[in-house]
Amino acid sequence: MILGCPKRPRIGIVFFGIPRSGSISMPTIQQKIIGPARAIGDVFIRYHFYDQSRVYSPTSGEDGFLSGSDYEPFLSYIGVMEDPAAFQESFDVGGILSMGDAWGDGNISILNLLKQLHSLANVTRQVLELLPDIVIFARPDLVYHSTFLGPISRSVAPLRVV
């Protein structure tokens, strides 16, 4: 008896957070993730991004502006763009902040973490509605150097029950 994925597995690829330098990262995302996934299965892509024009984190030293071109490569896919304050509806922010500021940065790091968790939860809900066999959570702001072909192939290989 063989259990597992159908002949053409359903592969979800999701992006979350903030797409810094999307025009730089998208070519490697296409080549190393999306292309290999399409060679193996039926691919659907979703995103959850925050609609903002600046990224600021004193902990990492990041302080820069985002342009519309950072978002552009992803907008042909289905997704959600939200106001950066939307994450506050998902958490008891006051209760969490009352626990202290471990990074000593005016709670910016913990607020950024809550934003990331909200973004991940949102895009996870989007993709699970499509009943995927596998989901790839990919950062939209990274340049990928290795192909995902092998890991995707291994992940969708049928399981054998003896």
Protein backbone atom coordinates (compact mmCIF):
# COMPACT_ATOMS: atom_id res chain seq x y z
CA MET A 1 0.00 0.00 0.00
CA ILE A 2 1.37 3.44 -0.89
CA LEU A 3 0.39 6.54 1.03
CA GLY A 4 1.47 10.08 0.34
CA CYS A 5 1.29 12.64 -2.37
CA PRO A 6 -0.60 12.29 -5.63
CA LYS A 7 1.37 12.07 -8.89
CA ARG A 8 1.61 15.86 -9.09
CA PRO A 9 1.88 17.07 -5.51
CA ARG A 10 0.34 20.37 -4.50
CA ILE A 11 3.20 22.66 -3.49
CA GLY A 12 2.58 25.93 -1.71
CA ILE A 13 5.25 28.61 -1.65
CA VAL A 14 4.66 31.44 0.77
CA PHE A 15 6.39 34.74 1.43
CA PHE A 16 5.96 36.77 4.60
CA GLY A 17 7.03 40.01 6.23
CA ILE A 18 8.78 42.70 4.26
CA PRO A 19 10.19 42.18 0.74
CA ARG A 20 13.39 44.20 0.99
CA SER A 21 15.20 44.28 -2.36
CA GLY A 22 12.63 42.10 -4.11
CA SER A 23 14.08 42.90 -7.52
CA ILE A 24 17.41 41.43 -6.38
CA SER A 25 16.02 38.36 -4.60
CA MET A 26 13.27 37.35 -7.06
CA PRO A 27 15.55 36.00 -9.81
CA THR A 28 17.08 33.49 -7.38
CA ILE A 29 13.67 32.70 -5.91
CA GLN A 30 12.41 31.92 -9.43
CA GLN A 31 15.47 29.84 -10.29
CA LYS A 32 16.08 28.00 -7.02
CA ILE A 33 12.58 27.60 -5.53
CA ILE A 34 9.67 28.30 -7.88
CA GLY A 35 11.17 26.66 -11.00
CA PRO A 36 12.15 23.42 -9.24
CA ALA A 37 8.77 23.26 -7.49
CA ARG A 38 6.92 23.66 -10.80
CA ALA A 39 9.02 20.85 -12.31
CA ILE A 40 7.72 18.51 -9.60
CA GLY A 41 4.19 19.60 -8.80
CA ASP A 42 1.33 22.03 -9.07
CA VAL A 43 2.49 25.25 -7.43
CA PHE A 44 0.52 28.00 -5.81
CA ILE A 45 2.15 31.07 -4.32
CA ARG A 46 0.81 33.30 -1.57
CA TYR A 47 2.18 36.21 0.42
CA HIS A 48 1.50 38.39 3.43
CA PHE A 49 3.41 41.66 3.47
CA TYR A 50 3.28 44.85 5.43
CA ASP A 51 2.67 47.95 3.38
CA GLN A 52 5.36 50.21 4.71
CA SER A 53 8.02 52.52 3.37
CA ARG A 54 10.66 52.19 6.10
CA VAL A 55 12.40 49.43 8.05
CA TYR A 56 13.90 50.37 11.41
CA SER A 57 15.64 48.15 13.98
CA PRO A 58 18.24 49.61 16.30
CA THR A 59 19.19 46.09 17.40
CA SER A 60 20.35 45.08 13.91
CA GLY A 61 21.33 48.59 12.87
CA GLU A 62 18.86 48.49 10.03
CA ASP A 63 17.35 51.81 9.07
CA GLY A 64 16.28 52.17 5.48
CA PHE A 65 13.52 53.02 3.11
CA LEU A 66 11.53 50.58 1.00
CA SER A 67 10.29 51.47 -2.43
CA GLY A 68 7.39 50.09 -4.42
CA SER A 69 9.91 48.23 -6.57
CA ASP A 70 10.73 46.03 -3.55
CA TYR A 71 7.14 44.72 -3.59
CA GLU A 72 6.67 44.66 -7.36
CA PRO A 73 8.06 41.15 -8.16
CA PHE A 74 5.58 39.54 -5.76
CA LEU A 75 2.41 41.40 -6.70
CA SER A 76 1.54 39.08 -9.59
CA TYR A 77 0.81 36.39 -6.97
CA ILE A 78 -2.16 36.22 -4.61
CA GLY A 79 -1.65 37.74 -1.21
CA VAL A 80 -2.42 40.29 1.44
CA MET A 81 -0.85 43.69 2.04
CA GLU A 82 -1.59 45.00 5.51
CA ASP A 83 -0.91 48.08 7.51
CA PRO A 84 2.05 47.44 9.84
CA ALA A 85 -0.16 48.11 12.89
CA ALA A 86 -2.57 45.26 11.96
CA PHE A 87 -0.57 42.74 14.00
CA GLN A 88 -1.76 44.41 17.22
CA GLU A 89 -5.21 42.84 16.74
CA SER A 90 -3.67 39.36 16.97
CA PHE A 91 -1.89 39.76 20.30
CA ASP A 92 -2.29 41.19 23.76
CA VAL A 93 0.51 43.63 22.98
CA GLY A 94 0.16 45.48 26.29
CA GLY A 95 0.40 42.24 28.24
CA ILE A 96 3.42 41.07 26.26
CA LEU A 97 5.23 44.40 26.62
CA SER A 98 4.54 44.40 30.38
CA MET A 99 6.89 41.39 30.63
CA GLY A 100 9.91 43.59 29.95
CA ASP A 101 12.19 44.74 27.15
CA ALA A 102 14.81 41.97 26.85
CA TRP A 103 16.64 43.75 24.02
CA GLY A 104 16.59 47.16 25.68
CA ASP A 105 15.54 48.85 22.45
CA GLY A 106 12.24 50.41 23.43
CA ASN A 107 10.38 47.18 22.56
CA ILE A 108 11.15 47.52 18.85
CA SER A 109 12.56 43.97 18.62
CA ILE A 110 9.59 42.34 20.36
CA LEU A 111 7.16 44.33 18.21
CA ASN A 112 9.05 43.23 15.08
CA LEU A 113 8.82 39.61 16.29
CA LEU A 114 5.05 39.96 16.81
CA LYS A 115 4.75 41.40 13.30
CA GLN A 116 6.61 38.42 11.89
CA LEU A 117 4.45 35.93 13.81
CA HIS A 118 1.27 37.68 12.61
CA SER A 119 2.53 37.60 9.02
CA LEU A 120 3.39 33.89 9.28
CA ALA A 121 -0.02 33.07 10.77
CA ASN A 122 -1.80 35.01 8.03
CA VAL A 123 0.05 33.42 5.12
CA THR A 124 -0.26 29.98 6.74
CA ARG A 125 -4.06 30.36 6.83
CA GLN A 126 -4.02 31.38 3.16
CA VAL A 127 -2.01 28.38 2.02
CA LEU A 128 -3.72 25.75 4.19
CA GLU A 129 -7.04 26.57 2.50
CA LEU A 130 -5.51 25.09 -0.66
CA LEU A 131 -4.75 21.70 0.95
CA PRO A 132 -1.06 21.51 0.02
CA ASP A 133 1.09 18.40 0.25
CA ILE A 134 4.10 20.54 1.09
CA VAL A 135 4.62 24.21 1.94
CA ILE A 136 7.82 26.16 1.49
CA PHE A 137 8.12 29.21 3.72
CA ALA A 138 10.55 31.52 1.95
CA ARG A 139 11.91 34.86 2.97
CA PRO A 140 11.31 37.38 0.20
CA ASP A 141 14.47 39.33 1.02
CA LEU A 142 17.10 36.61 0.63
CA VAL A 143 19.25 35.62 -2.31
CA TYR A 144 19.11 31.82 -2.61
CA HIS A 145 22.27 30.00 -3.69
CA SER A 146 21.12 26.36 -3.70
CA THR A 147 18.28 24.73 -5.56
CA PHE A 148 15.32 23.36 -3.63
CA LEU A 149 14.85 20.54 -6.17
CA GLY A 150 16.35 17.82 -3.96
CA PRO A 151 14.59 18.82 -0.73
CA ILE A 152 11.24 19.22 -2.52
CA SER A 153 11.63 15.83 -4.24
CA ARG A 154 12.44 14.10 -0.96
CA SER A 155 9.56 15.83 0.82
CA VAL A 156 6.90 14.70 -1.64
CA ALA A 157 8.17 11.15 -2.14
CA PRO A 158 5.41 8.67 -1.27
CA LEU A 159 5.60 6.93 2.07
CA ARG A 160 5.58 3.13 1.99
CA VAL A 161 3.73 1.28 4.69
CA VAL A 162 4.69 -2.35 5.21
